[in-house]
């Protein structure tokens, strides 16, 4: 907001893309697995 970054039109349009809609479960799964790997990396930090 402060920097008035331009909207990420490419990402917003991707959500409407028929191909993404078709493979939405796979895309969602991939996003979640990527985030889970980040949590796994930091697990066990004192």
ModelCIF file with pLDDT and N, C-alpha, C, O atoms, coordinates in Angstrom:
data_MODEL
#
_entry.id   MODEL 
#
_entity.id                         1 
_entity.type                       polymer 
_entity.pdbx_number_of_molecules   1 
#
_entity_poly.entity_id                      1 
_entity_poly.type                           'polypeptide(L)' 
_entity_poly.nstd_linkage                   no 
_entity_poly.nstd_monomer                   no 
_entity_poly.pdbx_seq_one_letter_code       
;(UNK)(UNK)(UNK)(UNK)(UNK)(UNK)(UNK)(UNK)(UNK)(UNK)(UNK)(UNK)(UNK)(UNK)(UNK)(UNK)
(UNK)(UNK)(UNK)(UNK)(UNK)(UNK)(UNK)(UNK)(UNK)(UNK)(UNK)(UNK)(UNK)(UNK)(UNK)(UNK)
(UNK)(UNK)(UNK)(UNK)(UNK)(UNK)(UNK)(UNK)(UNK)(UNK)(UNK)(UNK)(UNK)(UNK)
;
_entity_poly.pdbx_seq_one_letter_code_can   XXXXXXXXXXXXXXXXXXXXXXXXXXXXXXXXXXXXXXXXXXXXXX 
_entity_poly.pdbx_strand_id                 A 
#
loop_
_entity_poly_seq.entity_id 
_entity_poly_seq.num 
_entity_poly_seq.mon_id 
_entity_poly_seq.hetero 
1 1  UNK n 
1 2  UNK n 
1 3  UNK n 
1 4  UNK n 
1 5  UNK n 
1 6  UNK n 
1 7  UNK n 
1 8  UNK n 
1 9  UNK n 
1 10 UNK n 
1 11 UNK n 
1 12 UNK n 
1 13 UNK n 
1 14 UNK n 
1 15 UNK n 
1 16 UNK n 
1 17 UNK n 
1 18 UNK n 
1 19 UNK n 
1 20 UNK n 
1 21 UNK n 
1 22 UNK n 
1 23 UNK n 
1 24 UNK n 
1 25 UNK n 
1 26 UNK n 
1 27 UNK n 
1 28 UNK n 
1 29 UNK n 
1 30 UNK n 
1 31 UNK n 
1 32 UNK n 
1 33 UNK n 
1 34 UNK n 
1 35 UNK n 
1 36 UNK n 
1 37 UNK n 
1 38 UNK n 
1 39 UNK n 
1 40 UNK n 
1 41 UNK n 
1 42 UNK n 
1 43 UNK n 
1 44 UNK n 
1 45 UNK n 
1 46 UNK n 
#
_struct_asym.id          A 
_struct_asym.entity_id   1 
#
loop_
_ma_qa_metric.id 
_ma_qa_metric.mode 
_ma_qa_metric.name 
_ma_qa_metric.software_group_id 
_ma_qa_metric.type 
1 global pLDDT . pLDDT 
2 local  pLDDT . pLDDT 
#
_ma_qa_metric_global.metric_id      1 
_ma_qa_metric_global.metric_value   82.43 
_ma_qa_metric_global.model_id       1 
_ma_qa_metric_global.ordinal_id     1 
#
loop_
_ma_qa_metric_local.label_asym_id 
_ma_qa_metric_local.label_comp_id 
_ma_qa_metric_local.label_seq_id 
_ma_qa_metric_local.metric_id 
_ma_qa_metric_local.metric_value 
_ma_qa_metric_local.model_id 
_ma_qa_metric_local.ordinal_id 
A UNK 1  2 98.00 1 1  
A UNK 2  2 98.00 1 2  
A UNK 3  2 98.00 1 3  
A UNK 4  2 98.00 1 4  
A UNK 5  2 97.00 1 5  
A UNK 6  2 96.00 1 6  
A UNK 7  2 93.00 1 7  
A UNK 8  2 91.00 1 8  
A UNK 9  2 86.00 1 9  
A UNK 10 2 84.00 1 10 
A UNK 11 2 83.00 1 11 
A UNK 12 2 84.00 1 12 
A UNK 13 2 81.00 1 13 
A UNK 14 2 77.00 1 14 
A UNK 15 2 75.00 1 15 
A UNK 16 2 76.00 1 16 
A UNK 17 2 74.00 1 17 
A UNK 18 2 75.00 1 18 
A UNK 19 2 72.00 1 19 
A UNK 20 2 69.00 1 20 
A UNK 21 2 71.00 1 21 
A UNK 22 2 73.00 1 22 
A UNK 23 2 67.00 1 23 
A UNK 24 2 74.00 1 24 
A UNK 25 2 76.00 1 25 
A UNK 26 2 79.00 1 26 
A UNK 27 2 75.00 1 27 
A UNK 28 2 81.00 1 28 
A UNK 29 2 79.00 1 29 
A UNK 30 2 83.00 1 30 
A UNK 31 2 84.00 1 31 
A UNK 32 2 86.00 1 32 
A UNK 33 2 89.00 1 33 
A UNK 34 2 90.00 1 34 
A UNK 35 2 89.00 1 35 
A UNK 36 2 89.00 1 36 
A UNK 37 2 91.00 1 37 
A UNK 38 2 89.00 1 38 
A UNK 39 2 90.00 1 39 
A UNK 40 2 88.00 1 40 
A UNK 41 2 86.00 1 41 
A UNK 42 2 78.00 1 42 
A UNK 43 2 71.00 1 43 
A UNK 44 2 67.00 1 44 
A UNK 45 2 71.00 1 45 
A UNK 46 2 71.00 1 46 
#
loop_
_atom_site.group_PDB 
_atom_site.id 
_atom_site.type_symbol 
_atom_site.label_atom_id 
_atom_site.label_alt_id 
_atom_site.label_comp_id 
_atom_site.label_asym_id 
_atom_site.label_entity_id 
_atom_site.label_seq_id 
_atom_site.pdbx_PDB_ins_code 
_atom_site.Cartn_x 
_atom_site.Cartn_y 
_atom_site.Cartn_z 
_atom_site.occupancy 
_atom_site.B_iso_or_equiv 
_atom_site.pdbx_formal_charge 
_atom_site.auth_seq_id 
_atom_site.auth_comp_id 
_atom_site.auth_asym_id 
_atom_site.auth_atom_id 
_atom_site.pdbx_PDB_model_num 
ATOM 1   N N  . UNK A 1 1  ? 0.820   -1.212  0.000   1.00 98.00 ? 1  UNK A N  1 
ATOM 2   C CA . UNK A 1 1  ? 0.000   0.000   0.000   1.00 98.00 ? 1  UNK A CA 1 
ATOM 3   C C  . UNK A 1 1  ? 0.850   1.256   0.000   1.00 98.00 ? 1  UNK A C  1 
ATOM 4   O O  . UNK A 1 1  ? 0.664   2.131   -0.846  1.00 98.00 ? 1  UNK A O  1 
ATOM 5   N N  . UNK A 1 2  ? 1.787   1.358   0.943   1.00 98.00 ? 2  UNK A N  1 
ATOM 6   C CA . UNK A 1 2  ? 2.599   2.577   1.030   1.00 98.00 ? 2  UNK A CA 1 
ATOM 7   C C  . UNK A 1 2  ? 3.359   2.841   -0.261  1.00 98.00 ? 2  UNK A C  1 
ATOM 8   O O  . UNK A 1 2  ? 3.468   3.987   -0.697  1.00 98.00 ? 2  UNK A O  1 
ATOM 9   N N  . UNK A 1 3  ? 3.884   1.785   -0.873  1.00 98.00 ? 3  UNK A N  1 
ATOM 10  C CA . UNK A 1 3  ? 4.669   1.943   -2.097  1.00 98.00 ? 3  UNK A CA 1 
ATOM 11  C C  . UNK A 1 3  ? 3.805   1.959   -3.347  1.00 98.00 ? 3  UNK A C  1 
ATOM 12  O O  . UNK A 1 3  ? 4.309   2.145   -4.455  1.00 98.00 ? 3  UNK A O  1 
ATOM 13  N N  . UNK A 1 4  ? 2.476   1.760   -3.165  1.00 98.00 ? 4  UNK A N  1 
ATOM 14  C CA . UNK A 1 4  ? 1.524   1.771   -4.286  1.00 98.00 ? 4  UNK A CA 1 
ATOM 15  C C  . UNK A 1 4  ? 1.946   0.808   -5.390  1.00 98.00 ? 4  UNK A C  1 
ATOM 16  O O  . UNK A 1 4  ? 1.970   1.162   -6.568  1.00 98.00 ? 4  UNK A O  1 
ATOM 17  N N  . UNK A 1 5  ? 2.279   -0.423  -4.983  1.00 97.00 ? 5  UNK A N  1 
ATOM 18  C CA . UNK A 1 5  ? 2.719   -1.406  -5.973  1.00 97.00 ? 5  UNK A CA 1 
ATOM 19  C C  . UNK A 1 5  ? 1.596   -1.706  -6.954  1.00 97.00 ? 5  UNK A C  1 
ATOM 20  O O  . UNK A 1 5  ? 0.438   -1.802  -6.547  1.00 97.00 ? 5  UNK A O  1 
ATOM 21  N N  . UNK A 1 6  ? 1.907   -1.856  -8.226  1.00 96.00 ? 6  UNK A N  1 
ATOM 22  C CA . UNK A 1 6  ? 0.861   -2.122  -9.206  1.00 96.00 ? 6  UNK A CA 1 
ATOM 23  C C  . UNK A 1 6  ? 0.262   -3.507  -8.999  1.00 96.00 ? 6  UNK A C  1 
ATOM 24  O O  . UNK A 1 6  ? 0.987   -4.436  -8.643  1.00 96.00 ? 6  UNK A O  1 
ATOM 25  N N  . UNK A 1 7  ? -1.033  -3.671  -9.212  1.00 93.00 ? 7  UNK A N  1 
ATOM 26  C CA . UNK A 1 7  ? -1.662  -4.991  -9.023  1.00 93.00 ? 7  UNK A CA 1 
ATOM 27  C C  . UNK A 1 7  ? -0.949  -6.067  -9.837  1.00 93.00 ? 7  UNK A C  1 
ATOM 28  O O  . UNK A 1 7  ? -0.465  -5.817  -10.940 1.00 93.00 ? 7  UNK A O  1 
ATOM 29  N N  . UNK A 1 8  ? -0.897  -7.256  -9.271  1.00 91.00 ? 8  UNK A N  1 
ATOM 30  C CA . UNK A 1 8  ? -0.265  -8.387  -9.962  1.00 91.00 ? 8  UNK A CA 1 
ATOM 31  C C  . UNK A 1 8  ? -1.282  -8.976  -10.933 1.00 91.00 ? 8  UNK A C  1 
ATOM 32  O O  . UNK A 1 8  ? -1.887  -10.014 -10.665 1.00 91.00 ? 8  UNK A O  1 
ATOM 33  N N  . UNK A 1 9  ? -1.461  -8.302  -12.061 1.00 86.00 ? 9  UNK A N  1 
ATOM 34  C CA . UNK A 1 9  ? -2.481  -8.710  -13.023 1.00 86.00 ? 9  UNK A CA 1 
ATOM 35  C C  . UNK A 1 9  ? -2.272  -10.137 -13.515 1.00 86.00 ? 9  UNK A C  1 
ATOM 36  O O  . UNK A 1 9  ? -3.238  -10.869 -13.732 1.00 86.00 ? 9  UNK A O  1 
ATOM 37  N N  . UNK A 1 10 ? -1.006  -10.535 -13.691 1.00 84.00 ? 10 UNK A N  1 
ATOM 38  C CA . UNK A 1 10 ? -0.734  -11.877 -14.215 1.00 84.00 ? 10 UNK A CA 1 
ATOM 39  C C  . UNK A 1 10 ? -1.254  -12.946 -13.254 1.00 84.00 ? 10 UNK A C  1 
ATOM 40  O O  . UNK A 1 10 ? -1.853  -13.931 -13.684 1.00 84.00 ? 10 UNK A O  1 
ATOM 41  N N  . UNK A 1 11 ? -1.023  -12.749 -11.941 1.00 83.00 ? 11 UNK A N  1 
ATOM 42  C CA . UNK A 1 11 ? -1.481  -13.737 -10.964 1.00 83.00 ? 11 UNK A CA 1 
ATOM 43  C C  . UNK A 1 11 ? -3.003  -13.721 -10.861 1.00 83.00 ? 11 UNK A C  1 
ATOM 44  O O  . UNK A 1 11 ? -3.631  -14.776 -10.762 1.00 83.00 ? 11 UNK A O  1 
ATOM 45  N N  . UNK A 1 12 ? -3.595  -12.535 -10.884 1.00 84.00 ? 12 UNK A N  1 
ATOM 46  C CA . UNK A 1 12 ? -5.056  -12.442 -10.792 1.00 84.00 ? 12 UNK A CA 1 
ATOM 47  C C  . UNK A 1 12 ? -5.718  -13.094 -12.008 1.00 84.00 ? 12 UNK A C  1 
ATOM 48  O O  . UNK A 1 12 ? -6.754  -13.746 -11.882 1.00 84.00 ? 12 UNK A O  1 
ATOM 49  N N  . UNK A 1 13 ? -5.117  -12.915 -13.180 1.00 81.00 ? 13 UNK A N  1 
ATOM 50  C CA . UNK A 1 13 ? -5.675  -13.534 -14.386 1.00 81.00 ? 13 UNK A CA 1 
ATOM 51  C C  . UNK A 1 13 ? -5.466  -15.048 -14.381 1.00 81.00 ? 13 UNK A C  1 
ATOM 52  O O  . UNK A 1 13 ? -6.286  -15.801 -14.906 1.00 81.00 ? 13 UNK A O  1 
ATOM 53  N N  . UNK A 1 14 ? -4.353  -15.481 -13.777 1.00 77.00 ? 14 UNK A N  1 
ATOM 54  C CA . UNK A 1 14 ? -4.067  -16.917 -13.730 1.00 77.00 ? 14 UNK A CA 1 
ATOM 55  C C  . UNK A 1 14 ? -5.194  -17.666 -13.029 1.00 77.00 ? 14 UNK A C  1 
ATOM 56  O O  . UNK A 1 14 ? -5.563  -18.769 -13.431 1.00 77.00 ? 14 UNK A O  1 
ATOM 57  N N  . UNK A 1 15 ? -5.742  -17.052 -11.969 1.00 75.00 ? 15 UNK A N  1 
ATOM 58  C CA . UNK A 1 15 ? -6.818  -17.712 -11.217 1.00 75.00 ? 15 UNK A CA 1 
ATOM 59  C C  . UNK A 1 15 ? -8.064  -17.901 -12.070 1.00 75.00 ? 15 UNK A C  1 
ATOM 60  O O  . UNK A 1 15 ? -8.892  -18.767 -11.786 1.00 75.00 ? 15 UNK A O  1 
ATOM 61  N N  . UNK A 1 16 ? -8.196  -17.084 -13.123 1.00 76.00 ? 16 UNK A N  1 
ATOM 62  C CA . UNK A 1 16 ? -9.362  -17.177 -14.005 1.00 76.00 ? 16 UNK A CA 1 
ATOM 63  C C  . UNK A 1 16 ? -9.098  -18.049 -15.230 1.00 76.00 ? 16 UNK A C  1 
ATOM 64  O O  . UNK A 1 16 ? -10.013 -18.352 -15.996 1.00 76.00 ? 16 UNK A O  1 
ATOM 65  N N  . UNK A 1 17 ? -7.843  -18.448 -15.408 1.00 74.00 ? 17 UNK A N  1 
ATOM 66  C CA . UNK A 1 17 ? -7.461  -19.210 -16.595 1.00 74.00 ? 17 UNK A CA 1 
ATOM 67  C C  . UNK A 1 17 ? -8.144  -20.583 -16.605 1.00 74.00 ? 17 UNK A C  1 
ATOM 68  O O  . UNK A 1 17 ? -8.074  -21.310 -15.614 1.00 74.00 ? 17 UNK A O  1 
ATOM 69  N N  . UNK A 1 18 ? -8.802  -20.944 -17.713 1.00 75.00 ? 18 UNK A N  1 
ATOM 70  C CA . UNK A 1 18 ? -9.492  -22.244 -17.771 1.00 75.00 ? 18 UNK A CA 1 
ATOM 71  C C  . UNK A 1 18 ? -8.567  -23.428 -17.501 1.00 75.00 ? 18 UNK A C  1 
ATOM 72  O O  . UNK A 1 18 ? -8.985  -24.423 -16.909 1.00 75.00 ? 18 UNK A O  1 
ATOM 73  N N  . UNK A 1 19 ? -7.313  -23.320 -17.934 1.00 72.00 ? 19 UNK A N  1 
ATOM 74  C CA . UNK A 1 19 ? -6.375  -24.419 -17.710 1.00 72.00 ? 19 UNK A CA 1 
ATOM 75  C C  . UNK A 1 19 ? -6.071  -24.545 -16.214 1.00 72.00 ? 19 UNK A C  1 
ATOM 76  O O  . UNK A 1 19 ? -6.019  -25.648 -15.671 1.00 72.00 ? 19 UNK A O  1 
ATOM 77  N N  . UNK A 1 20 ? -5.868  -23.381 -15.553 1.00 69.00 ? 20 UNK A N  1 
ATOM 78  C CA . UNK A 1 20 ? -5.611  -23.407 -14.109 1.00 69.00 ? 20 UNK A CA 1 
ATOM 79  C C  . UNK A 1 20 ? -6.831  -23.943 -13.373 1.00 69.00 ? 20 UNK A C  1 
ATOM 80  O O  . UNK A 1 20 ? -6.705  -24.694 -12.405 1.00 69.00 ? 20 UNK A O  1 
ATOM 81  N N  . UNK A 1 21 ? -8.027  -23.544 -13.848 1.00 71.00 ? 21 UNK A N  1 
ATOM 82  C CA . UNK A 1 21 ? -9.247  -24.051 -13.213 1.00 71.00 ? 21 UNK A CA 1 
ATOM 83  C C  . UNK A 1 21 ? -9.307  -25.571 -13.333 1.00 71.00 ? 21 UNK A C  1 
ATOM 84  O O  . UNK A 1 21 ? -9.713  -26.260 -12.397 1.00 71.00 ? 21 UNK A O  1 
ATOM 85  N N  . UNK A 1 22 ? -8.899  -26.088 -14.493 1.00 73.00 ? 22 UNK A N  1 
ATOM 86  C CA . UNK A 1 22 ? -8.925  -27.528 -14.712 1.00 73.00 ? 22 UNK A CA 1 
ATOM 87  C C  . UNK A 1 22 ? -7.968  -28.248 -13.778 1.00 73.00 ? 22 UNK A C  1 
ATOM 88  O O  . UNK A 1 22 ? -8.286  -29.308 -13.237 1.00 73.00 ? 22 UNK A O  1 
ATOM 89  N N  . UNK A 1 23 ? -6.783  -27.656 -13.593 1.00 67.00 ? 23 UNK A N  1 
ATOM 90  C CA . UNK A 1 23 ? -5.752  -28.290 -12.756 1.00 67.00 ? 23 UNK A CA 1 
ATOM 91  C C  . UNK A 1 23 ? -5.658  -27.643 -11.379 1.00 67.00 ? 23 UNK A C  1 
ATOM 92  O O  . UNK A 1 23 ? -4.634  -27.748 -10.705 1.00 67.00 ? 23 UNK A O  1 
ATOM 93  N N  . UNK A 1 24 ? -6.739  -26.969 -10.963 1.00 74.00 ? 24 UNK A N  1 
ATOM 94  C CA . UNK A 1 24 ? -6.732  -26.249 -9.687  1.00 74.00 ? 24 UNK A CA 1 
ATOM 95  C C  . UNK A 1 24 ? -6.325  -27.135 -8.507  1.00 74.00 ? 24 UNK A C  1 
ATOM 96  O O  . UNK A 1 24 ? -5.514  -26.697 -7.692  1.00 74.00 ? 24 UNK A O  1 
ATOM 97  N N  . UNK A 1 25 ? -6.843  -28.352 -8.376  1.00 76.00 ? 25 UNK A N  1 
ATOM 98  C CA . UNK A 1 25 ? -6.416  -29.188 -7.233  1.00 76.00 ? 25 UNK A CA 1 
ATOM 99  C C  . UNK A 1 25 ? -4.911  -29.432 -7.225  1.00 76.00 ? 25 UNK A C  1 
ATOM 100 O O  . UNK A 1 25 ? -4.285  -29.445 -6.165  1.00 76.00 ? 25 UNK A O  1 
ATOM 101 N N  . UNK A 1 26 ? -4.327  -29.627 -8.420  1.00 79.00 ? 26 UNK A N  1 
ATOM 102 C CA . UNK A 1 26 ? -2.884  -29.871 -8.496  1.00 79.00 ? 26 UNK A CA 1 
ATOM 103 C C  . UNK A 1 26 ? -2.103  -28.613 -8.142  1.00 79.00 ? 26 UNK A C  1 
ATOM 104 O O  . UNK A 1 26 ? -1.114  -28.681 -7.412  1.00 79.00 ? 26 UNK A O  1 
ATOM 105 N N  . UNK A 1 27 ? -2.545  -27.453 -8.661  1.00 75.00 ? 27 UNK A N  1 
ATOM 106 C CA . UNK A 1 27 ? -1.859  -26.188 -8.369  1.00 75.00 ? 27 UNK A CA 1 
ATOM 107 C C  . UNK A 1 27 ? -1.933  -25.886 -6.873  1.00 75.00 ? 27 UNK A C  1 
ATOM 108 O O  . UNK A 1 27 ? -0.941  -25.489 -6.261  1.00 75.00 ? 27 UNK A O  1 
ATOM 109 N N  . UNK A 1 28 ? -3.115  -26.079 -6.294  1.00 81.00 ? 28 UNK A N  1 
ATOM 110 C CA . UNK A 1 28 ? -3.294  -25.833 -4.863  1.00 81.00 ? 28 UNK A CA 1 
ATOM 111 C C  . UNK A 1 28 ? -2.414  -26.772 -4.045  1.00 81.00 ? 28 UNK A C  1 
ATOM 112 O O  . UNK A 1 28 ? -1.783  -26.354 -3.074  1.00 81.00 ? 28 UNK A O  1 
ATOM 113 N N  . UNK A 1 29 ? -2.378  -28.035 -4.438  1.00 79.00 ? 29 UNK A N  1 
ATOM 114 C CA . UNK A 1 29 ? -1.542  -29.020 -3.744  1.00 79.00 ? 29 UNK A CA 1 
ATOM 115 C C  . UNK A 1 29 ? -0.070  -28.633 -3.812  1.00 79.00 ? 29 UNK A C  1 
ATOM 116 O O  . UNK A 1 29 ? 0.655   -28.755 -2.824  1.00 79.00 ? 29 UNK A O  1 
ATOM 117 N N  . UNK A 1 30 ? 0.373   -28.165 -4.982  1.00 83.00 ? 30 UNK A N  1 
ATOM 118 C CA . UNK A 1 30 ? 1.765   -27.780 -5.162  1.00 83.00 ? 30 UNK A CA 1 
ATOM 119 C C  . UNK A 1 30 ? 2.103   -26.576 -4.282  1.00 83.00 ? 30 UNK A C  1 
ATOM 120 O O  . UNK A 1 30 ? 3.171   -26.544 -3.671  1.00 83.00 ? 30 UNK A O  1 
ATOM 121 N N  . UNK A 1 31 ? 1.210   -25.586 -4.210  1.00 84.00 ? 31 UNK A N  1 
ATOM 122 C CA . UNK A 1 31 ? 1.439   -24.419 -3.362  1.00 84.00 ? 31 UNK A CA 1 
ATOM 123 C C  . UNK A 1 31 ? 1.568   -24.835 -1.900  1.00 84.00 ? 31 UNK A C  1 
ATOM 124 O O  . UNK A 1 31 ? 2.429   -24.345 -1.169  1.00 84.00 ? 31 UNK A O  1 
ATOM 125 N N  . UNK A 1 32 ? 0.703   -25.738 -1.496  1.00 86.00 ? 32 UNK A N  1 
ATOM 126 C CA . UNK A 1 32 ? 0.716   -26.165 -0.096  1.00 86.00 ? 32 UNK A CA 1 
ATOM 127 C C  . UNK A 1 32 ? 1.973   -26.967 0.214   1.00 86.00 ? 32 UNK A C  1 
ATOM 128 O O  . UNK A 1 32 ? 2.587   -26.769 1.262   1.00 86.00 ? 32 UNK A O  1 
ATOM 129 N N  . UNK A 1 33 ? 2.363   -27.868 -0.680  1.00 89.00 ? 33 UNK A N  1 
ATOM 130 C CA . UNK A 1 33 ? 3.550   -28.687 -0.441  1.00 89.00 ? 33 UNK A CA 1 
ATOM 131 C C  . UNK A 1 33 ? 4.808   -27.830 -0.382  1.00 89.00 ? 33 UNK A C  1 
ATOM 132 O O  . UNK A 1 33 ? 5.711   -28.107 0.407   1.00 89.00 ? 33 UNK A O  1 
ATOM 133 N N  . UNK A 1 34 ? 4.873   -26.784 -1.218  1.00 90.00 ? 34 UNK A N  1 
ATOM 134 C CA . UNK A 1 34 ? 6.021   -25.884 -1.185  1.00 90.00 ? 34 UNK A CA 1 
ATOM 135 C C  . UNK A 1 34 ? 6.113   -25.204 0.172   1.00 90.00 ? 34 UNK A C  1 
ATOM 136 O O  . UNK A 1 34 ? 7.196   -25.108 0.749   1.00 90.00 ? 34 UNK A O  1 
ATOM 137 N N  . UNK A 1 35 ? 4.971   -24.727 0.687   1.00 89.00 ? 35 UNK A N  1 
ATOM 138 C CA . UNK A 1 35 ? 4.960   -24.078 2.001   1.00 89.00 ? 35 UNK A CA 1 
ATOM 139 C C  . UNK A 1 35 ? 5.292   -25.072 3.103   1.00 89.00 ? 35 UNK A C  1 
ATOM 140 O O  . UNK A 1 35 ? 6.004   -24.731 4.048   1.00 89.00 ? 35 UNK A O  1 
ATOM 141 N N  . UNK A 1 36 ? 4.789   -26.288 2.998   1.00 89.00 ? 36 UNK A N  1 
ATOM 142 C CA . UNK A 1 36 ? 5.072   -27.301 4.013   1.00 89.00 ? 36 UNK A CA 1 
ATOM 143 C C  . UNK A 1 36 ? 6.564   -27.613 4.088   1.00 89.00 ? 36 UNK A C  1 
ATOM 144 O O  . UNK A 1 36 ? 7.090   -27.890 5.166   1.00 89.00 ? 36 UNK A O  1 
ATOM 145 N N  . UNK A 1 37 ? 7.240   -27.568 2.949   1.00 91.00 ? 37 UNK A N  1 
ATOM 146 C CA . UNK A 1 37 ? 8.682   -27.833 2.966   1.00 91.00 ? 37 UNK A CA 1 
ATOM 147 C C  . UNK A 1 37 ? 9.426   -26.729 3.703   1.00 91.00 ? 37 UNK A C  1 
ATOM 148 O O  . UNK A 1 37 ? 10.446  -26.991 4.340   1.00 91.00 ? 37 UNK A O  1 
ATOM 149 N N  . UNK A 1 38 ? 8.926   -25.491 3.625   1.00 89.00 ? 38 UNK A N  1 
ATOM 150 C CA . UNK A 1 38 ? 9.545   -24.395 4.374   1.00 89.00 ? 38 UNK A CA 1 
ATOM 151 C C  . UNK A 1 38 ? 9.395   -24.603 5.870   1.00 89.00 ? 38 UNK A C  1 
ATOM 152 O O  . UNK A 1 38 ? 10.332  -24.369 6.632   1.00 89.00 ? 38 UNK A O  1 
ATOM 153 N N  . UNK A 1 39 ? 8.207   -25.047 6.292   1.00 90.00 ? 39 UNK A N  1 
ATOM 154 C CA . UNK A 1 39 ? 7.964   -25.305 7.711   1.00 90.00 ? 39 UNK A CA 1 
ATOM 155 C C  . UNK A 1 39 ? 8.833   -26.464 8.184   1.00 90.00 ? 39 UNK A C  1 
ATOM 156 O O  . UNK A 1 39 ? 9.372   -26.429 9.290   1.00 90.00 ? 39 UNK A O  1 
ATOM 157 N N  . UNK A 1 40 ? 8.967   -27.489 7.350   1.00 88.00 ? 40 UNK A N  1 
ATOM 158 C CA . UNK A 1 40 ? 9.790   -28.642 7.723   1.00 88.00 ? 40 UNK A CA 1 
ATOM 159 C C  . UNK A 1 40 ? 11.248  -28.230 7.907   1.00 88.00 ? 40 UNK A C  1 
ATOM 160 O O  . UNK A 1 40 ? 11.936  -28.749 8.786   1.00 88.00 ? 40 UNK A O  1 
ATOM 161 N N  . UNK A 1 41 ? 11.720  -27.296 7.078   1.00 86.00 ? 41 UNK A N  1 
ATOM 162 C CA . UNK A 1 41 ? 13.110  -26.843 7.185   1.00 86.00 ? 41 UNK A CA 1 
ATOM 163 C C  . UNK A 1 41 ? 13.385  -26.136 8.496   1.00 86.00 ? 41 UNK A C  1 
ATOM 164 O O  . UNK A 1 41 ? 14.467  -26.269 9.069   1.00 86.00 ? 41 UNK A O  1 
ATOM 165 N N  . UNK A 1 42 ? 12.407  -25.388 8.967   1.00 78.00 ? 42 UNK A N  1 
ATOM 166 C CA . UNK A 1 42 ? 12.629  -24.577 10.171  1.00 78.00 ? 42 UNK A CA 1 
ATOM 167 C C  . UNK A 1 42 ? 12.217  -25.326 11.438  1.00 78.00 ? 42 UNK A C  1 
ATOM 168 O O  . UNK A 1 42 ? 12.429  -24.830 12.544  1.00 78.00 ? 42 UNK A O  1 
ATOM 169 N N  . UNK A 1 43 ? 11.635  -26.507 11.289  1.00 71.00 ? 43 UNK A N  1 
ATOM 170 C CA . UNK A 1 43 ? 11.220  -27.303 12.438  1.00 71.00 ? 43 UNK A CA 1 
ATOM 171 C C  . UNK A 1 43 ? 12.445  -27.681 13.268  1.00 71.00 ? 43 UNK A C  1 
ATOM 172 O O  . UNK A 1 43 ? 13.482  -28.063 12.726  1.00 71.00 ? 43 UNK A O  1 
ATOM 173 N N  . UNK A 1 44 ? 12.316  -27.573 14.549  1.00 67.00 ? 44 UNK A N  1 
ATOM 174 C CA . UNK A 1 44 ? 13.428  -27.940 15.421  1.00 67.00 ? 44 UNK A CA 1 
ATOM 175 C C  . UNK A 1 44 ? 14.357  -26.794 15.757  1.00 67.00 ? 44 UNK A C  1 
ATOM 176 O O  . UNK A 1 44 ? 15.332  -26.988 16.484  1.00 67.00 ? 44 UNK A O  1 
ATOM 177 N N  . UNK A 1 45 ? 14.075  -25.581 15.235  1.00 71.00 ? 45 UNK A N  1 
ATOM 178 C CA . UNK A 1 45 ? 14.890  -24.424 15.596  1.00 71.00 ? 45 UNK A CA 1 
ATOM 179 C C  . UNK A 1 45 ? 14.706  -24.141 17.082  1.00 71.00 ? 45 UNK A C  1 
ATOM 180 O O  . UNK A 1 45 ? 13.574  -24.127 17.566  1.00 71.00 ? 45 UNK A O  1 
ATOM 181 N N  . UNK A 1 46 ? 15.795  -23.915 17.814  1.00 71.00 ? 46 UNK A N  1 
ATOM 182 C CA . UNK A 1 46 ? 15.663  -23.692 19.268  1.00 71.00 ? 46 UNK A CA 1 
ATOM 183 C C  . UNK A 1 46 ? 14.737  -22.521 19.583  1.00 71.00 ? 46 UNK A C  1 
ATOM 184 O O  . UNK A 1 46 ? 14.520  -22.203 20.752  1.00 71.00 ? 46 UNK A O  1 
#
